[in-house]
Amino acid sequence: MKLSIIAAAVALAVVCGPSYAACTYPKAPEKLPDGTVAAKEDMLAGKRLVEQYNKDMEAYLACIKLEYDAQVTKDAATLTPEQKAELDKRQTQKYNAAVDELQAVAERFNEQIRAYNKAHPK
């Protein structure tokens, strides 16, 4: 029963297309803890922020993929090769920009973890 409800919801989402077209780009954490002076609790809170941002970005990436797939499927018969290439290009740009930002946030936090470990040797 649950499987048929899920399948119906997915089918409805594909048919309705624009209803999920508003993929929300997640906002990166504004401020990460300064590892040179932060307490362990602050670092753990920063870790939770980065983990949540990662989950939000994964949801965004899944959304833009659904959006792209729906557009290509819906317009398959009328898309020219140039239009398809443009859609592919925009999809790739969106995806790469999101992944690049996610990696930059993760690297910034990793720098703070290294600073924390250096300031708090075991």
N, C-alpha and C. Protein backbone atom coordinates (compact mmCIF):
# COMPACT_ATOMS: atom_id res chain seq x y z
N MET A 1 0.82 -1.19 0.00
CA MET A 1 0.00 0.00 0.00
C MET A 1 0.86 1.26 0.00
N LYS A 2 1.86 1.30 0.90
CA LYS A 2 2.72 2.48 0.96
C LYS A 2 3.45 2.69 -0.35
N LEU A 3 3.89 1.58 -0.97
CA LEU A 3 4.62 1.67 -2.22
C LEU A 3 3.76 2.28 -3.31
N SER A 4 2.48 1.89 -3.37
CA SER A 4 1.61 2.44 -4.40
C SER A 4 1.34 3.93 -4.17
N ILE A 5 1.27 4.35 -2.90
CA ILE A 5 1.07 5.77 -2.60
C ILE A 5 2.31 6.56 -3.02
N ILE A 6 3.48 6.02 -2.72
CA ILE A 6 4.72 6.69 -3.12
C ILE A 6 4.82 6.76 -4.63
N ALA A 7 4.50 5.67 -5.30
CA ALA A 7 4.56 5.65 -6.76
C ALA A 7 3.59 6.67 -7.35
N ALA A 8 2.41 6.78 -6.76
CA ALA A 8 1.43 7.76 -7.25
C ALA A 8 1.93 9.19 -7.03
N ALA A 9 2.55 9.42 -5.89
CA ALA A 9 3.08 10.76 -5.61
C ALA A 9 4.19 11.12 -6.58
N VAL A 10 5.07 10.17 -6.86
CA VAL A 10 6.15 10.43 -7.82
C VAL A 10 5.58 10.69 -9.21
N ALA A 11 4.61 9.88 -9.61
CA ALA A 11 4.00 10.07 -10.92
C ALA A 11 3.31 11.44 -11.01
N LEU A 12 2.64 11.83 -9.95
CA LEU A 12 1.98 13.14 -9.93
C LEU A 12 3.01 14.26 -10.03
N ALA A 13 4.12 14.11 -9.33
CA ALA A 13 5.17 15.13 -9.37
C ALA A 13 5.73 15.27 -10.78
N VAL A 14 5.90 14.16 -11.47
CA VAL A 14 6.44 14.20 -12.83
C VAL A 14 5.43 14.85 -13.78
N VAL A 15 4.17 14.50 -13.63
CA VAL A 15 3.14 15.05 -14.51
C VAL A 15 2.95 16.54 -14.26
N CYS A 16 2.97 16.95 -12.99
CA CYS A 16 2.72 18.35 -12.64
C CYS A 16 3.93 19.24 -12.88
N GLY A 17 5.09 18.67 -13.03
CA GLY A 17 6.29 19.40 -13.35
C GLY A 17 6.53 20.67 -12.56
N PRO A 18 5.95 21.78 -12.96
CA PRO A 18 6.26 23.06 -12.33
C PRO A 18 5.97 23.13 -10.83
N SER A 19 5.18 22.19 -10.29
CA SER A 19 4.87 22.27 -8.88
C SER A 19 6.12 22.13 -8.01
N TYR A 20 7.15 21.49 -8.50
CA TYR A 20 8.39 21.41 -7.73
C TYR A 20 9.51 22.17 -8.42
N ALA A 21 9.16 22.98 -9.37
CA ALA A 21 10.16 23.72 -10.14
C ALA A 21 10.87 24.78 -9.31
N ALA A 22 10.35 25.06 -8.14
CA ALA A 22 10.97 26.07 -7.29
C ALA A 22 11.99 25.41 -6.36
N CYS A 23 13.04 24.91 -6.93
CA CYS A 23 14.10 24.32 -6.13
C CYS A 23 14.79 25.44 -5.36
N THR A 24 14.84 25.29 -4.06
CA THR A 24 15.40 26.33 -3.21
C THR A 24 16.87 26.07 -2.97
N TYR A 25 17.69 27.02 -3.39
CA TYR A 25 19.13 26.90 -3.20
C TYR A 25 19.43 27.13 -1.72
N PRO A 26 20.07 26.16 -1.07
CA PRO A 26 20.31 26.30 0.37
C PRO A 26 21.34 27.38 0.69
N LYS A 27 21.13 28.00 1.81
CA LYS A 27 22.04 29.05 2.26
C LYS A 27 23.15 28.41 3.08
N ALA A 28 24.37 28.74 2.73
CA ALA A 28 25.53 28.20 3.46
C ALA A 28 25.56 28.80 4.87
N PRO A 29 26.12 28.07 5.82
CA PRO A 29 26.24 28.63 7.17
C PRO A 29 26.98 29.96 7.09
N GLU A 30 26.43 30.98 7.74
CA GLU A 30 27.04 32.30 7.68
C GLU A 30 28.35 32.35 8.44
N LYS A 31 28.37 31.72 9.60
CA LYS A 31 29.56 31.81 10.41
C LYS A 31 29.88 30.44 10.99
N LEU A 32 31.09 30.03 10.75
CA LEU A 32 31.59 28.79 11.34
C LEU A 32 32.48 29.15 12.52
N PRO A 33 32.59 28.27 13.50
CA PRO A 33 33.41 28.58 14.67
C PRO A 33 34.88 28.77 14.30
N ASP A 34 35.55 29.63 15.03
CA ASP A 34 36.99 29.86 14.87
C ASP A 34 37.69 28.80 15.71
N GLY A 35 38.30 27.85 15.04
CA GLY A 35 38.92 26.72 15.71
C GLY A 35 40.03 27.09 16.68
N THR A 36 40.62 28.27 16.52
CA THR A 36 41.71 28.64 17.42
C THR A 36 41.21 29.02 18.81
N VAL A 37 39.94 29.45 18.91
CA VAL A 37 39.41 29.88 20.21
C VAL A 37 38.10 29.19 20.60
N ALA A 38 37.49 28.43 19.71
CA ALA A 38 36.18 27.83 19.97
C ALA A 38 36.27 26.70 21.00
N ALA A 39 35.18 26.57 21.74
CA ALA A 39 35.04 25.44 22.65
C ALA A 39 34.58 24.22 21.85
N LYS A 40 34.75 23.06 22.44
CA LYS A 40 34.35 21.82 21.77
C LYS A 40 32.87 21.86 21.37
N GLU A 41 32.01 22.40 22.24
CA GLU A 41 30.58 22.49 21.95
C GLU A 41 30.31 23.37 20.72
N ASP A 42 31.10 24.44 20.59
CA ASP A 42 30.96 25.30 19.42
C ASP A 42 31.35 24.57 18.14
N MET A 43 32.41 23.80 18.24
CA MET A 43 32.85 23.03 17.07
C MET A 43 31.80 21.98 16.68
N LEU A 44 31.21 21.34 17.70
CA LEU A 44 30.15 20.36 17.42
C LEU A 44 28.93 21.04 16.81
N ALA A 45 28.60 22.23 17.28
CA ALA A 45 27.47 22.98 16.70
C ALA A 45 27.80 23.34 15.25
N GLY A 46 29.04 23.73 14.98
CA GLY A 46 29.45 24.02 13.61
C GLY A 46 29.35 22.79 12.73
N LYS A 47 29.72 21.66 13.28
CA LYS A 47 29.63 20.40 12.53
C LYS A 47 28.18 20.11 12.16
N ARG A 48 27.27 20.33 13.10
CA ARG A 48 25.84 20.11 12.81
C ARG A 48 25.35 21.06 11.71
N LEU A 49 25.81 22.30 11.74
CA LEU A 49 25.43 23.26 10.69
C LEU A 49 25.90 22.78 9.31
N VAL A 50 27.14 22.33 9.25
CA VAL A 50 27.69 21.87 7.98
C VAL A 50 26.98 20.60 7.52
N GLU A 51 26.67 19.70 8.44
CA GLU A 51 25.94 18.48 8.07
C GLU A 51 24.55 18.82 7.54
N GLN A 52 23.86 19.76 8.19
CA GLN A 52 22.53 20.16 7.72
C GLN A 52 22.62 20.83 6.35
N TYR A 53 23.62 21.66 6.17
CA TYR A 53 23.83 22.30 4.87
C TYR A 53 24.06 21.25 3.79
N ASN A 54 24.84 20.24 4.11
CA ASN A 54 25.10 19.15 3.17
C ASN A 54 23.79 18.45 2.79
N LYS A 55 22.94 18.16 3.78
CA LYS A 55 21.65 17.52 3.49
C LYS A 55 20.77 18.42 2.63
N ASP A 56 20.76 19.71 2.97
CA ASP A 56 19.96 20.66 2.19
C ASP A 56 20.46 20.73 0.74
N MET A 57 21.77 20.71 0.57
CA MET A 57 22.34 20.77 -0.77
C MET A 57 22.02 19.49 -1.55
N GLU A 58 22.07 18.35 -0.87
CA GLU A 58 21.70 17.09 -1.54
C GLU A 58 20.25 17.15 -2.02
N ALA A 59 19.36 17.72 -1.19
CA ALA A 59 17.95 17.86 -1.58
C ALA A 59 17.82 18.80 -2.79
N TYR A 60 18.59 19.88 -2.77
CA TYR A 60 18.57 20.82 -3.90
C TYR A 60 19.05 20.14 -5.18
N LEU A 61 20.13 19.39 -5.09
CA LEU A 61 20.65 18.70 -6.27
C LEU A 61 19.65 17.69 -6.81
N ALA A 62 18.97 16.99 -5.92
CA ALA A 62 17.94 16.04 -6.35
C ALA A 62 16.79 16.79 -7.02
N CYS A 63 16.43 17.93 -6.47
CA CYS A 63 15.34 18.74 -7.02
C CYS A 63 15.67 19.22 -8.43
N ILE A 64 16.88 19.76 -8.61
CA ILE A 64 17.20 20.28 -9.95
C ILE A 64 17.31 19.14 -10.96
N LYS A 65 17.68 17.95 -10.50
CA LYS A 65 17.70 16.80 -11.41
C LYS A 65 16.28 16.43 -11.82
N LEU A 66 15.37 16.40 -10.85
CA LEU A 66 13.97 16.11 -11.18
C LEU A 66 13.41 17.16 -12.14
N GLU A 67 13.73 18.40 -11.87
CA GLU A 67 13.28 19.51 -12.71
C GLU A 67 13.80 19.34 -14.14
N TYR A 68 15.07 19.04 -14.26
CA TYR A 68 15.69 18.84 -15.58
C TYR A 68 15.06 17.64 -16.29
N ASP A 69 14.97 16.52 -15.59
CA ASP A 69 14.41 15.31 -16.20
C ASP A 69 12.97 15.53 -16.67
N ALA A 70 12.19 16.23 -15.85
CA ALA A 70 10.80 16.51 -16.24
C ALA A 70 10.73 17.39 -17.48
N GLN A 71 11.57 18.39 -17.52
CA GLN A 71 11.57 19.29 -18.69
C GLN A 71 11.97 18.54 -19.96
N VAL A 72 13.01 17.76 -19.86
CA VAL A 72 13.48 17.02 -21.04
C VAL A 72 12.42 16.01 -21.49
N THR A 73 11.79 15.33 -20.54
CA THR A 73 10.76 14.35 -20.89
C THR A 73 9.54 15.03 -21.50
N LYS A 74 9.12 16.11 -20.86
CA LYS A 74 7.92 16.83 -21.33
C LYS A 74 8.12 17.38 -22.73
N ASP A 75 9.30 17.92 -23.00
CA ASP A 75 9.55 18.61 -24.26
C ASP A 75 10.37 17.77 -25.24
N ALA A 76 10.51 16.49 -25.00
CA ALA A 76 11.39 15.65 -25.82
C ALA A 76 11.07 15.74 -27.31
N ALA A 77 9.80 15.77 -27.65
CA ALA A 77 9.42 15.77 -29.06
C ALA A 77 9.68 17.11 -29.74
N THR A 78 9.73 18.19 -28.97
CA THR A 78 9.86 19.51 -29.59
C THR A 78 11.22 20.17 -29.39
N LEU A 79 12.04 19.59 -28.55
CA LEU A 79 13.36 20.18 -28.30
C LEU A 79 14.29 20.01 -29.50
N THR A 80 14.89 21.09 -29.91
CA THR A 80 15.92 20.99 -30.94
C THR A 80 17.21 20.54 -30.27
N PRO A 81 18.15 20.04 -31.02
CA PRO A 81 19.44 19.67 -30.42
C PRO A 81 20.11 20.84 -29.70
N GLU A 82 19.95 22.04 -30.24
CA GLU A 82 20.54 23.22 -29.60
C GLU A 82 19.87 23.51 -28.26
N GLN A 83 18.54 23.39 -28.22
CA GLN A 83 17.82 23.62 -26.97
C GLN A 83 18.20 22.57 -25.91
N LYS A 84 18.31 21.34 -26.36
CA LYS A 84 18.71 20.25 -25.43
C LYS A 84 20.12 20.52 -24.91
N ALA A 85 21.00 20.95 -25.79
CA ALA A 85 22.37 21.26 -25.37
C ALA A 85 22.38 22.41 -24.36
N GLU A 86 21.53 23.40 -24.57
CA GLU A 86 21.45 24.53 -23.63
C GLU A 86 20.90 24.07 -22.27
N LEU A 87 19.88 23.22 -22.29
CA LEU A 87 19.37 22.67 -21.03
C LEU A 87 20.45 21.88 -20.31
N ASP A 88 21.17 21.06 -21.05
CA ASP A 88 22.26 20.27 -20.46
C ASP A 88 23.32 21.19 -19.85
N LYS A 89 23.65 22.25 -20.57
CA LYS A 89 24.68 23.18 -20.11
C LYS A 89 24.23 23.86 -18.81
N ARG A 90 22.98 24.35 -18.77
CA ARG A 90 22.47 25.00 -17.56
C ARG A 90 22.41 24.04 -16.38
N GLN A 91 22.01 22.80 -16.65
CA GLN A 91 21.95 21.79 -15.59
C GLN A 91 23.35 21.55 -15.02
N THR A 92 24.31 21.40 -15.89
CA THR A 92 25.69 21.16 -15.46
C THR A 92 26.23 22.34 -14.67
N GLN A 93 25.94 23.55 -15.13
CA GLN A 93 26.40 24.74 -14.42
C GLN A 93 25.80 24.84 -13.02
N LYS A 94 24.49 24.61 -12.91
CA LYS A 94 23.83 24.64 -11.60
C LYS A 94 24.44 23.60 -10.67
N TYR A 95 24.58 22.40 -11.19
CA TYR A 95 25.11 21.30 -10.38
C TYR A 95 26.53 21.60 -9.92
N ASN A 96 27.38 21.99 -10.85
CA ASN A 96 28.78 22.24 -10.52
C ASN A 96 28.93 23.41 -9.54
N ALA A 97 28.15 24.45 -9.71
CA ALA A 97 28.22 25.59 -8.79
C ALA A 97 27.83 25.18 -7.38
N ALA A 98 26.79 24.38 -7.27
CA ALA A 98 26.34 23.92 -5.96
C ALA A 98 27.39 23.02 -5.31
N VAL A 99 27.94 22.10 -6.06
CA VAL A 99 28.96 21.21 -5.51
C VAL A 99 30.22 21.98 -5.13
N ASP A 100 30.61 22.94 -5.94
CA ASP A 100 31.78 23.76 -5.63
C ASP A 100 31.58 24.52 -4.32
N GLU A 101 30.39 25.10 -4.14
CA GLU A 101 30.12 25.83 -2.91
C GLU A 101 30.11 24.89 -1.70
N LEU A 102 29.50 23.74 -1.87
CA LEU A 102 29.47 22.76 -0.78
C LEU A 102 30.88 22.34 -0.39
N GLN A 103 31.72 22.09 -1.37
CA GLN A 103 33.10 21.71 -1.08
C GLN A 103 33.85 22.84 -0.39
N ALA A 104 33.60 24.09 -0.79
CA ALA A 104 34.26 25.23 -0.17
C ALA A 104 33.86 25.36 1.30
N VAL A 105 32.59 25.17 1.60
CA VAL A 105 32.13 25.23 3.00
C VAL A 105 32.78 24.12 3.81
N ALA A 106 32.80 22.92 3.25
CA ALA A 106 33.41 21.79 3.95
C ALA A 106 34.90 22.05 4.20
N GLU A 107 35.58 22.61 3.23
CA GLU A 107 37.01 22.89 3.40
C GLU A 107 37.23 23.97 4.45
N ARG A 108 36.39 25.02 4.45
CA ARG A 108 36.51 26.06 5.48
C ARG A 108 36.34 25.46 6.88
N PHE A 109 35.37 24.57 7.01
CA PHE A 109 35.15 23.96 8.32
C PHE A 109 36.32 23.03 8.68
N ASN A 110 36.82 22.29 7.71
CA ASN A 110 37.96 21.41 7.97
C ASN A 110 39.19 22.21 8.41
N GLU A 111 39.36 23.40 7.86
CA GLU A 111 40.46 24.27 8.30
C GLU A 111 40.29 24.63 9.78
N GLN A 112 39.05 24.89 10.17
CA GLN A 112 38.78 25.24 11.57
C GLN A 112 38.97 24.03 12.49
N ILE A 113 38.66 22.85 11.99
CA ILE A 113 38.91 21.64 12.79
C ILE A 113 40.41 21.46 13.00
N ARG A 114 41.19 21.68 11.94
CA ARG A 114 42.65 21.57 12.09
C ARG A 114 43.16 22.61 13.06
N ALA A 115 42.63 23.83 12.99
CA ALA A 115 43.05 24.89 13.93
C ALA A 115 42.66 24.52 15.35
N TYR A 116 41.47 23.96 15.52
CA TYR A 116 41.02 23.53 16.85
C TYR A 116 41.95 22.45 17.39
N ASN A 117 42.25 21.46 16.58
CA ASN A 117 43.12 20.37 17.02
C ASN A 117 44.51 20.88 17.37
N LYS A 118 44.99 21.86 16.64
CA LYS A 118 46.30 22.44 16.93
C LYS A 118 46.26 23.23 18.24
N ALA A 119 45.17 23.94 18.47
CA ALA A 119 45.04 24.76 19.69
C ALA A 119 44.72 23.92 20.92
N HIS A 120 44.20 22.71 20.69
CA HIS A 120 43.82 21.83 21.80
C HIS A 120 44.48 20.46 21.62
N PRO A 121 45.80 20.39 21.71
CA PRO A 121 46.45 19.09 21.52
C PRO A 121 46.03 18.10 22.60
N LYS A 122 45.99 16.88 22.23
CA LYS A 122 45.55 15.83 23.18
C LYS A 122 46.67 15.36 24.04
